[in-house]
PDB file of all heavy atoms in Angstrom:
ATOM      1  N   VAL A   1      -7.686 -19.349  -5.565  1.00  0.00           N
ATOM      2  CA  VAL A   1      -7.251 -17.959  -5.660  1.00  0.00           C
ATOM      3  C   VAL A   1      -7.546 -17.439  -7.055  1.00  0.00           C
ATOM      4  O   VAL A   1      -7.306 -18.122  -8.056  1.00  0.00           O
ATOM      5  CB  VAL A   1      -5.731 -17.836  -5.380  1.00  0.00           C
ATOM      6  CG1 VAL A   1      -5.274 -16.399  -5.509  1.00  0.00           C
ATOM      7  CG2 VAL A   1      -5.387 -18.395  -4.018  1.00  0.00           C
ATOM      8  N   HIS A   2      -8.062 -16.208  -7.114  1.00  0.00           N
ATOM      9  CA  HIS A   2      -8.336 -15.565  -8.411  1.00  0.00           C
ATOM     10  C   HIS A   2      -8.186 -14.066  -8.233  1.00  0.00           C
ATOM     11  O   HIS A   2      -8.254 -13.549  -7.128  1.00  0.00           O
ATOM     12  CB  HIS A   2      -9.751 -15.911  -8.886  1.00  0.00           C
ATOM     13  CG  HIS A   2      -9.976 -15.551 -10.322  1.00  0.00           C
ATOM     14  ND1 HIS A   2     -10.460 -14.330 -10.717  1.00  0.00           N
ATOM     15  CD2 HIS A   2      -9.777 -16.260 -11.453  1.00  0.00           C
ATOM     16  CE1 HIS A   2     -10.550 -14.293 -12.040  1.00  0.00           C
ATOM     17  NE2 HIS A   2     -10.137 -15.461 -12.510  1.00  0.00           N
ATOM     18  N   GLY A   3      -7.996 -13.371  -9.329  1.00  0.00           N
ATOM     19  CA  GLY A   3      -7.917 -11.911  -9.302  1.00  0.00           C
ATOM     20  C   GLY A   3      -9.270 -11.299  -8.996  1.00  0.00           C
ATOM     21  O   GLY A   3     -10.295 -11.981  -9.001  1.00  0.00           O
ATOM     22  N   ASP A   4      -9.280  -9.998  -8.745  1.00  0.00           N
ATOM     23  CA  ASP A   4     -10.532  -9.336  -8.368  1.00  0.00           C
ATOM     24  C   ASP A   4     -11.408  -8.947  -9.559  1.00  0.00           C
ATOM     25  O   ASP A   4     -12.407  -8.250  -9.389  1.00  0.00           O
ATOM     26  CB  ASP A   4     -10.267  -8.129  -7.473  1.00  0.00           C
ATOM     27  CG  ASP A   4      -9.444  -7.041  -8.141  1.00  0.00           C
ATOM     28  OD1 ASP A   4      -9.034  -7.204  -9.307  1.00  0.00           O
ATOM     29  OD2 ASP A   4      -9.204  -6.015  -7.477  1.00  0.00           O
ATOM     30  N   ASP A   5     -11.057  -9.418 -10.749  1.00  0.00           N
ATOM     31  CA  ASP A   5     -11.939  -9.196 -11.890  1.00  0.00           C
ATOM     32  C   ASP A   5     -13.086 -10.209 -11.834  1.00  0.00           C
ATOM     33  O   ASP A   5     -12.935 -11.307 -11.324  1.00  0.00           O
ATOM     34  CB  ASP A   5     -11.185  -9.310 -13.219  1.00  0.00           C
ATOM     35  CG  ASP A   5     -10.390 -10.594 -13.344  1.00  0.00           C
ATOM     36  OD1 ASP A   5      -9.839 -11.054 -12.334  1.00  0.00           O
ATOM     37  OD2 ASP A   5     -10.319 -11.147 -14.452  1.00  0.00           O
ATOM     38  N   ILE A   6     -14.229  -9.817 -12.330  1.00  0.00           N
ATOM     39  CA  ILE A   6     -15.428 -10.648 -12.237  1.00  0.00           C
ATOM     40  C   ILE A   6     -15.389 -11.752 -13.290  1.00  0.00           C
ATOM     41  O   ILE A   6     -15.117 -11.491 -14.461  1.00  0.00           O
ATOM     42  CB  ILE A   6     -16.688  -9.787 -12.410  1.00  0.00           C
ATOM     43  CG1 ILE A   6     -16.755  -8.755 -11.278  1.00  0.00           C
ATOM     44  CG2 ILE A   6     -17.938 -10.646 -12.441  1.00  0.00           C
ATOM     45  CD1 ILE A   6     -17.815  -7.691 -11.489  1.00  0.00           C
ATOM     46  N   THR A   7     -15.643 -12.985 -12.866  1.00  0.00           N
ATOM     47  CA  THR A   7     -15.708 -14.127 -13.770  1.00  0.00           C
ATOM     48  C   THR A   7     -17.059 -14.794 -13.584  1.00  0.00           C
ATOM     49  O   THR A   7     -17.366 -15.276 -12.497  1.00  0.00           O
ATOM     50  CB  THR A   7     -14.580 -15.136 -13.444  1.00  0.00           C
ATOM     51  OG1 THR A   7     -13.337 -14.435 -13.428  1.00  0.00           O
ATOM     52  CG2 THR A   7     -14.499 -16.215 -14.486  1.00  0.00           C
ATOM     53  N   VAL A   8     -17.846 -14.825 -14.658  1.00  0.00           N
ATOM     54  CA  VAL A   8     -19.190 -15.392 -14.567  1.00  0.00           C
ATOM     55  C   VAL A   8     -19.420 -16.417 -15.674  1.00  0.00           C
ATOM     56  O   VAL A   8     -18.729 -16.423 -16.687  1.00  0.00           O
ATOM     57  CB  VAL A   8     -20.282 -14.299 -14.643  1.00  0.00           C
ATOM     58  CG1 VAL A   8     -20.205 -13.360 -13.453  1.00  0.00           C
ATOM     59  CG2 VAL A   8     -20.176 -13.511 -15.933  1.00  0.00           C
ATOM     60  N   THR A   9     -20.414 -17.271 -15.443  1.00  0.00           N
ATOM     61  CA  THR A   9     -20.808 -18.249 -16.456  1.00  0.00           C
ATOM     62  C   THR A   9     -21.656 -17.552 -17.524  1.00  0.00           C
ATOM     63  O   THR A   9     -21.994 -16.372 -17.387  1.00  0.00           O
ATOM     64  CB  THR A   9     -21.635 -19.386 -15.825  1.00  0.00           C
ATOM     65  OG1 THR A   9     -22.859 -18.833 -15.353  1.00  0.00           O
ATOM     66  CG2 THR A   9     -20.881 -20.063 -14.697  1.00  0.00           C
ATOM     67  N   ALA A  10     -22.048 -18.285 -18.552  1.00  0.00           N
ATOM     68  CA  ALA A  10     -22.909 -17.738 -19.600  1.00  0.00           C
ATOM     69  C   ALA A  10     -24.246 -17.274 -19.034  1.00  0.00           C
ATOM     70  O   ALA A  10     -24.896 -16.387 -19.589  1.00  0.00           O
ATOM     71  CB  ALA A  10     -23.125 -18.773 -20.693  1.00  0.00           C
ATOM     72  N   ASP A  11     -24.647 -17.852 -17.894  1.00  0.00           N
ATOM     73  CA  ASP A  11     -25.904 -17.473 -17.234  1.00  0.00           C
ATOM     74  C   ASP A  11     -25.733 -16.300 -16.275  1.00  0.00           C
ATOM     75  O   ASP A  11     -26.686 -15.901 -15.607  1.00  0.00           O
ATOM     76  CB  ASP A  11     -26.465 -18.668 -16.448  1.00  0.00           C
ATOM     77  CG  ASP A  11     -26.763 -19.861 -17.347  1.00  0.00           C
ATOM     78  OD1 ASP A  11     -27.121 -19.636 -18.519  1.00  0.00           O
ATOM     79  OD2 ASP A  11     -26.623 -20.993 -16.867  1.00  0.00           O
ATOM     80  N   GLY A  12     -24.502 -15.780 -16.157  1.00  0.00           N
ATOM     81  CA  GLY A  12     -24.256 -14.649 -15.268  1.00  0.00           C
ATOM     82  C   GLY A  12     -23.990 -15.030 -13.828  1.00  0.00           C
ATOM     83  O   GLY A  12     -24.004 -14.182 -12.942  1.00  0.00           O
ATOM     84  N   VAL A  13     -23.734 -16.317 -13.560  1.00  0.00           N
ATOM     85  CA  VAL A  13     -23.471 -16.801 -12.198  1.00  0.00           C
ATOM     86  C   VAL A  13     -21.967 -16.731 -11.917  1.00  0.00           C
ATOM     87  O   VAL A  13     -21.148 -17.119 -12.752  1.00  0.00           O
ATOM     88  CB  VAL A  13     -23.979 -18.257 -12.039  1.00  0.00           C
ATOM     89  CG1 VAL A  13     -23.653 -18.791 -10.653  1.00  0.00           C
ATOM     90  CG2 VAL A  13     -25.470 -18.336 -12.319  1.00  0.00           C
ATOM     91  N   ASP A  14     -21.612 -16.247 -10.748  1.00  0.00           N
ATOM     92  CA  ASP A  14     -20.214 -16.166 -10.317  1.00  0.00           C
ATOM     93  C   ASP A  14     -19.593 -17.566 -10.367  1.00  0.00           C
ATOM     94  O   ASP A  14     -20.099 -18.500  -9.741  1.00  0.00           O
ATOM     95  CB  ASP A  14     -20.166 -15.612  -8.890  1.00  0.00           C
ATOM     96  CG  ASP A  14     -18.755 -15.451  -8.341  1.00  0.00           C
ATOM     97  OD1 ASP A  14     -17.786 -15.918  -8.959  1.00  0.00           O
ATOM     98  OD2 ASP A  14     -18.634 -14.846  -7.259  1.00  0.00           O
ATOM     99  N   THR A  15     -18.480 -17.719 -11.087  1.00  0.00           N
ATOM    100  CA  THR A  15     -17.864 -19.041 -11.240  1.00  0.00           C
ATOM    101  C   THR A  15     -17.241 -19.550  -9.934  1.00  0.00           C
ATOM    102  O   THR A  15     -16.934 -20.726  -9.822  1.00  0.00           O
ATOM    103  CB  THR A  15     -16.784 -19.034 -12.329  1.00  0.00           C
ATOM    104  OG1 THR A  15     -15.813 -18.044 -12.024  1.00  0.00           O
ATOM    105  CG2 THR A  15     -17.380 -18.756 -13.693  1.00  0.00           C
ATOM    106  N   TYR A  16     -17.076 -18.682  -8.958  1.00  0.00           N
ATOM    107  CA  TYR A  16     -16.468 -19.084  -7.689  1.00  0.00           C
ATOM    108  C   TYR A  16     -17.473 -19.077  -6.539  1.00  0.00           C
ATOM    109  O   TYR A  16     -17.084 -19.126  -5.375  1.00  0.00           O
ATOM    110  CB  TYR A  16     -15.270 -18.176  -7.375  1.00  0.00           C
ATOM    111  CG  TYR A  16     -14.198 -18.295  -8.423  1.00  0.00           C
ATOM    112  CD1 TYR A  16     -14.013 -17.295  -9.366  1.00  0.00           C
ATOM    113  CD2 TYR A  16     -13.401 -19.429  -8.498  1.00  0.00           C
ATOM    114  CE1 TYR A  16     -13.044 -17.415 -10.348  1.00  0.00           C
ATOM    115  CE2 TYR A  16     -12.432 -19.555  -9.470  1.00  0.00           C
ATOM    116  CZ  TYR A  16     -12.261 -18.542 -10.399  1.00  0.00           C
ATOM    117  OH  TYR A  16     -11.308 -18.677 -11.366  1.00  0.00           O
ATOM    118  N   HIS A  17     -18.772 -19.018  -6.831  1.00  0.00           N
ATOM    119  CA  HIS A  17     -19.781 -18.902  -5.770  1.00  0.00           C
ATOM    120  C   HIS A  17     -19.749 -20.074  -4.788  1.00  0.00           C
ATOM    121  O   HIS A  17     -19.977 -19.891  -3.599  1.00  0.00           O
ATOM    122  CB  HIS A  17     -21.184 -18.724  -6.364  1.00  0.00           C
ATOM    123  CG  HIS A  17     -21.762 -19.940  -7.012  1.00  0.00           C
ATOM    124  ND1 HIS A  17     -21.411 -20.344  -8.277  1.00  0.00           N
ATOM    125  CD2 HIS A  17     -22.665 -20.847  -6.563  1.00  0.00           C
ATOM    126  CE1 HIS A  17     -22.071 -21.442  -8.583  1.00  0.00           C
ATOM    127  NE2 HIS A  17     -22.846 -21.768  -7.560  1.00  0.00           N
ATOM    128  N   ILE A  18     -19.424 -21.256  -5.251  1.00  0.00           N
ATOM    129  CA  ILE A  18     -19.410 -22.435  -4.372  1.00  0.00           C
ATOM    130  C   ILE A  18     -18.266 -22.350  -3.364  1.00  0.00           C
ATOM    131  O   ILE A  18     -18.473 -22.516  -2.154  1.00  0.00           O
ATOM    132  CB  ILE A  18     -19.301 -23.732  -5.208  1.00  0.00           C
ATOM    133  CG1 ILE A  18     -20.518 -23.870  -6.128  1.00  0.00           C
ATOM    134  CG2 ILE A  18     -19.153 -24.950  -4.299  1.00  0.00           C
ATOM    135  CD1 ILE A  18     -20.371 -24.937  -7.192  1.00  0.00           C
ATOM    136  N   VAL A  19     -17.059 -22.048  -3.848  1.00  0.00           N
ATOM    137  CA  VAL A  19     -15.911 -21.993  -2.938  1.00  0.00           C
ATOM    138  C   VAL A  19     -15.954 -20.742  -2.064  1.00  0.00           C
ATOM    139  O   VAL A  19     -15.462 -20.754  -0.935  1.00  0.00           O
ATOM    140  CB  VAL A  19     -14.562 -22.114  -3.702  1.00  0.00           C
ATOM    141  CG1 VAL A  19     -14.402 -23.505  -4.281  1.00  0.00           C
ATOM    142  CG2 VAL A  19     -14.424 -21.072  -4.786  1.00  0.00           C
ATOM    143  N   LYS A  20     -16.577 -19.681  -2.565  1.00  0.00           N
ATOM    144  CA  LYS A  20     -16.755 -18.477  -1.734  1.00  0.00           C
ATOM    145  C   LYS A  20     -17.677 -18.787  -0.555  1.00  0.00           C
ATOM    146  O   LYS A  20     -17.376 -18.417   0.589  1.00  0.00           O
ATOM    147  CB  LYS A  20     -17.325 -17.327  -2.563  1.00  0.00           C
ATOM    148  CG  LYS A  20     -16.313 -16.661  -3.479  1.00  0.00           C
ATOM    149  CD  LYS A  20     -16.965 -15.544  -4.294  1.00  0.00           C
ATOM    150  CE  LYS A  20     -15.956 -14.858  -5.181  1.00  0.00           C
ATOM    151  NZ  LYS A  20     -16.564 -13.801  -6.021  1.00  0.00           N
ATOM    152  N   ALA A  21     -18.785 -19.463  -0.835  1.00  0.00           N
ATOM    153  CA  ALA A  21     -19.749 -19.799   0.221  1.00  0.00           C
ATOM    154  C   ALA A  21     -19.121 -20.699   1.281  1.00  0.00           C
ATOM    155  O   ALA A  21     -19.480 -20.640   2.460  1.00  0.00           O
ATOM    156  CB  ALA A  21     -20.981 -20.469  -0.384  1.00  0.00           C
ATOM    157  N   ALA A  22     -18.155 -21.516   0.872  1.00  0.00           N
ATOM    158  CA  ALA A  22     -17.495 -22.435   1.800  1.00  0.00           C
ATOM    159  C   ALA A  22     -16.300 -21.786   2.504  1.00  0.00           C
ATOM    160  O   ALA A  22     -15.627 -22.435   3.307  1.00  0.00           O
ATOM    161  CB  ALA A  22     -17.037 -23.691   1.048  1.00  0.00           C
ATOM    162  N   GLY A  23     -16.003 -20.519   2.188  1.00  0.00           N
ATOM    163  CA  GLY A  23     -14.872 -19.830   2.815  1.00  0.00           C
ATOM    164  C   GLY A  23     -13.526 -20.295   2.303  1.00  0.00           C
ATOM    165  O   GLY A  23     -12.518 -20.143   2.983  1.00  0.00           O
ATOM    166  N   ARG A  24     -13.492 -20.851   1.100  1.00  0.00           N
ATOM    167  CA  ARG A  24     -12.237 -21.391   0.556  1.00  0.00           C
ATOM    168  C   ARG A  24     -11.806 -20.634  -0.695  1.00  0.00           C
ATOM    169  O   ARG A  24     -11.231 -21.192  -1.618  1.00  0.00           O
ATOM    170  CB  ARG A  24     -12.401 -22.882   0.276  1.00  0.00           C
ATOM    171  CG  ARG A  24     -12.622 -23.629   1.600  1.00  0.00           C
ATOM    172  CD  ARG A  24     -12.708 -25.085   1.452  1.00  0.00           C
ATOM    173  NE  ARG A  24     -11.486 -25.684   0.940  1.00  0.00           N
ATOM    174  CZ  ARG A  24     -11.385 -26.970   0.644  1.00  0.00           C
ATOM    175  NH1 ARG A  24     -12.414 -27.776   0.847  1.00  0.00           N
ATOM    176  NH2 ARG A  24     -10.270 -27.458   0.168  1.00  0.00           N
ATOM    177  N   TYR A  25     -12.057 -19.335  -0.702  1.00  0.00           N
ATOM    178  CA  TYR A  25     -11.708 -18.476  -1.832  1.00  0.00           C
ATOM    179  C   TYR A  25     -10.850 -17.318  -1.326  1.00  0.00           C
ATOM    180  O   TYR A  25     -11.134 -16.727  -0.287  1.00  0.00           O
ATOM    181  CB  TYR A  25     -12.982 -17.926  -2.473  1.00  0.00           C
ATOM    182  CG  TYR A  25     -12.742 -16.952  -3.602  1.00  0.00           C
ATOM    183  CD1 TYR A  25     -12.480 -17.400  -4.890  1.00  0.00           C
ATOM    184  CD2 TYR A  25     -12.786 -15.575  -3.383  1.00  0.00           C
ATOM    185  CE1 TYR A  25     -12.264 -16.497  -5.923  1.00  0.00           C
ATOM    186  CE2 TYR A  25     -12.570 -14.676  -4.414  1.00  0.00           C
ATOM    187  CZ  TYR A  25     -12.308 -15.141  -5.672  1.00  0.00           C
ATOM    188  OH  TYR A  25     -12.092 -14.258  -6.699  1.00  0.00           O
ATOM    189  N   ARG A  26      -9.780 -17.015  -2.044  1.00  0.00           N
ATOM    190  CA  ARG A  26      -8.931 -15.863  -1.734  1.00  0.00           C
ATOM    191  C   ARG A  26      -8.820 -15.030  -3.005  1.00  0.00           C
ATOM    192  O   ARG A  26      -8.728 -15.558  -4.108  1.00  0.00           O
ATOM    193  CB  ARG A  26      -7.538 -16.284  -1.282  1.00  0.00           C
ATOM    194  CG  ARG A  26      -7.503 -17.175  -0.055  1.00  0.00           C
ATOM    195  CD  ARG A  26      -7.990 -16.448   1.178  1.00  0.00           C
ATOM    196  NE  ARG A  26      -7.858 -17.265   2.364  1.00  0.00           N
ATOM    197  CZ  ARG A  26      -8.775 -18.107   2.814  1.00  0.00           C
ATOM    198  NH1 ARG A  26      -9.903 -18.275   2.167  1.00  0.00           N
ATOM    199  NH2 ARG A  26      -8.574 -18.801   3.915  1.00  0.00           N
ATOM    200  N   GLU A  27      -8.796 -13.730  -2.814  1.00  0.00           N
ATOM    201  CA  GLU A  27      -8.768 -12.823  -3.958  1.00  0.00           C
ATOM    202  C   GLU A  27      -7.484 -12.004  -3.971  1.00  0.00           C
ATOM    203  O   GLU A  27      -7.035 -11.541  -2.925  1.00  0.00           O
ATOM    204  CB  GLU A  27      -9.985 -11.894  -3.864  1.00  0.00           C
ATOM    205  CG  GLU A  27     -10.241 -11.094  -5.104  1.00  0.00           C
ATOM    206  CD  GLU A  27     -11.597 -10.408  -5.031  1.00  0.00           C
ATOM    207  OE1 GLU A  27     -12.592 -11.044  -5.419  1.00  0.00           O
ATOM    208  OE2 GLU A  27     -11.636  -9.264  -4.558  1.00  0.00           O
ATOM    209  N   CYS A  28      -6.915 -11.852  -5.150  1.00  0.00           N
ATOM    210  CA  CYS A  28      -5.734 -11.014  -5.341  1.00  0.00           C
ATOM    211  C   CYS A  28      -6.175  -9.714  -5.998  1.00  0.00           C
ATOM    212  O   CYS A  28      -6.944  -9.745  -6.962  1.00  0.00           O
ATOM    213  CB  CYS A  28      -4.709 -11.697  -6.245  1.00  0.00           C
ATOM    214  SG  CYS A  28      -4.043 -13.211  -5.602  1.00  0.00           S
ATOM    215  N   LYS A  29      -5.678  -8.606  -5.514  1.00  0.00           N
ATOM    216  CA  LYS A  29      -5.998  -7.315  -6.121  1.00  0.00           C
ATOM    217  C   LYS A  29      -5.282  -7.189  -7.461  1.00  0.00           C
ATOM    218  O   LYS A  29      -4.137  -7.616  -7.616  1.00  0.00           O
ATOM    219  CB  LYS A  29      -5.587  -6.166  -5.199  1.00  0.00           C
ATOM    220  CG  LYS A  29      -6.376  -6.131  -3.914  1.00  0.00           C
ATOM    221  CD  LYS A  29      -7.817  -5.787  -4.193  1.00  0.00           C
ATOM    222  CE  LYS A  29      -8.652  -5.825  -2.948  1.00  0.00           C
ATOM    223  NZ  LYS A  29     -10.067  -5.918  -3.227  1.00  0.00           N
ATOM    224  N   ARG A  30      -5.963  -6.619  -8.395  1.00  0.00           N
ATOM    225  CA  ARG A  30      -5.411  -6.391  -9.733  1.00  0.00           C
ATOM    226  C   ARG A  30      -4.352  -5.299  -9.654  1.00  0.00           C
ATOM    227  O   ARG A  30      -4.505  -4.318  -8.939  1.00  0.00           O
ATOM    228  CB  ARG A  30      -6.546  -5.960 -10.650  1.00  0.00           C
ATOM    229  CG  ARG A  30      -6.132  -5.607 -12.031  1.00  0.00           C
ATOM    230  CD  ARG A  30      -7.370  -5.367 -12.894  1.00  0.00           C
ATOM    231  NE  ARG A  30      -7.250  -4.324 -13.872  1.00  0.00           N
ATOM    232  CZ  ARG A  30      -6.391  -4.282 -14.851  1.00  0.00           C
ATOM    233  NH1 ARG A  30      -5.508  -5.222 -14.990  1.00  0.00           N
ATOM    234  NH2 ARG A  30      -6.374  -3.286 -15.714  1.00  0.00           N
ATOM    235  N   THR A  31      -3.271  -5.492 -10.395  1.00  0.00           N
ATOM    236  CA  THR A  31      -2.226  -4.478 -10.486  1.00  0.00           C
ATOM    237  C   THR A  31      -2.549  -3.593 -11.683  1.00  0.00           C
ATOM    238  O   THR A  31      -2.563  -4.068 -12.821  1.00  0.00           O
ATOM    239  CB  THR A  31      -0.836  -5.136 -10.660  1.00  0.00           C
ATOM    240  OG1 THR A  31      -0.614  -6.015  -9.566  1.00  0.00           O
ATOM    241  CG2 THR A  31       0.254  -4.085 -10.712  1.00  0.00           C
ATOM    242  N   GLN A  32      -2.829  -2.332 -11.421  1.00  0.00           N
ATOM    243  CA  GLN A  32      -3.192  -1.402 -12.479  1.00  0.00           C
ATOM    244  C   GLN A  32      -2.115  -1.364 -13.558  1.00  0.00           C
ATOM    245  O   GLN A  32      -0.936  -1.259 -13.258  1.00  0.00           O
ATOM    246  CB  GLN A  32      -3.386   0.003 -11.884  1.00  0.00           C
ATOM    247  CG  GLN A  32      -4.019   0.988 -12.817  1.00  0.00           C
ATOM    248  CD  GLN A  32      -5.463   0.631 -13.167  1.00  0.00           C
ATOM    249  OE1 GLN A  32      -6.148  -0.029 -12.403  1.00  0.00           O
ATOM    250  NE2 GLN A  32      -5.912   1.064 -14.308  1.00  0.00           N
ATOM    251  N   GLY A  33      -2.529  -1.499 -14.792  1.00  0.00           N
ATOM    252  CA  GLY A  33      -1.600  -1.426 -15.910  1.00  0.00           C
ATOM    253  C   GLY A  33      -0.957  -2.744 -16.287  1.00  0.00           C
ATOM    254  O   GLY A  33      -0.192  -2.814 -17.243  1.00  0.00           O
ATOM    255  N   VAL A  34      -1.227  -3.823 -15.543  1.00  0.00           N
ATOM    256  CA  VAL A  34      -0.663  -5.128 -15.866  1.00  0.00           C
ATOM    257  C   VAL A  34      -1.779  -6.013 -16.405  1.00  0.00           C
ATOM    258  O   VAL A  34      -2.768  -6.257 -15.724  1.00  0.00           O
ATOM    259  CB  VAL A  34      -0.011  -5.793 -14.627  1.00  0.00           C
ATOM    260  CG1 VAL A  34       0.467  -7.196 -14.959  1.00  0.00           C
ATOM    261  CG2 VAL A  34       1.136  -4.939 -14.119  1.00  0.00           C
ATOM    262  N   SER A  35      -1.611  -6.482 -17.618  1.00  0.00           N
ATOM    263  CA  SER A  35      -2.612  -7.332 -18.250  1.00  0.00           C
ATOM    264  C   SER A  35      -2.096  -8.763 -18.300  1.00  0.00           C
ATOM    265  O   SER A  35      -1.107  -9.045 -18.977  1.00  0.00           O
ATOM    266  CB  SER A  35      -2.892  -6.833 -19.675  1.00  0.00           C
ATOM    267  OG  SER A  35      -3.564  -7.824 -20.414  1.00  0.00           O
ATOM    268  N   THR A  36      -2.757  -9.677 -17.583  1.00  0.00           N
ATOM    269  CA  THR A  36      -2.333 -11.075 -17.634  1.00  0.00           C
ATOM    270  C   THR A  36      -2.560 -11.643 -19.032  1.00  0.00           C
ATOM    271  O   THR A  36      -1.788 -12.484 -19.485  1.00  0.00           O
ATOM    272  CB  THR A  36      -3.076 -11.928 -16.592  1.00  0.00           C
ATOM    273  OG1 THR A  36      -4.476 -11.734 -16.747  1.00  0.00           O
ATOM    274  CG2 THR A  36      -2.658 -11.566 -15.188  1.00  0.00           C
ATOM    275  N   THR A  37      -3.579 -11.164 -19.728  1.00  0.00           N
ATOM    276  CA  THR A  37      -3.810 -11.621 -21.101  1.00  0.00           C
ATOM    277  C   THR A  37      -2.619 -11.262 -21.971  1.00  0.00           C
ATOM    278  O   THR A  37      -2.138 -12.070 -22.764  1.00  0.00           O
ATOM    279  CB  THR A  37      -5.100 -10.984 -21.661  1.00  0.00           C
ATOM    280  OG1 THR A  37      -6.179 -11.324 -20.807  1.00  0.00           O
ATOM    281  CG2 THR A  37      -5.373 -11.458 -23.077  1.00  0.00           C
TER     282      THR A  37
END
């Protein structure tokens, strides 16, 4: 599970591409105005 913000490697590859392709990825919508950082 990850938020809907884009996370990529230094090469620009989606860090979750493997689990997405296998159907084992779930996405949480970002809450506007809430910064996890």
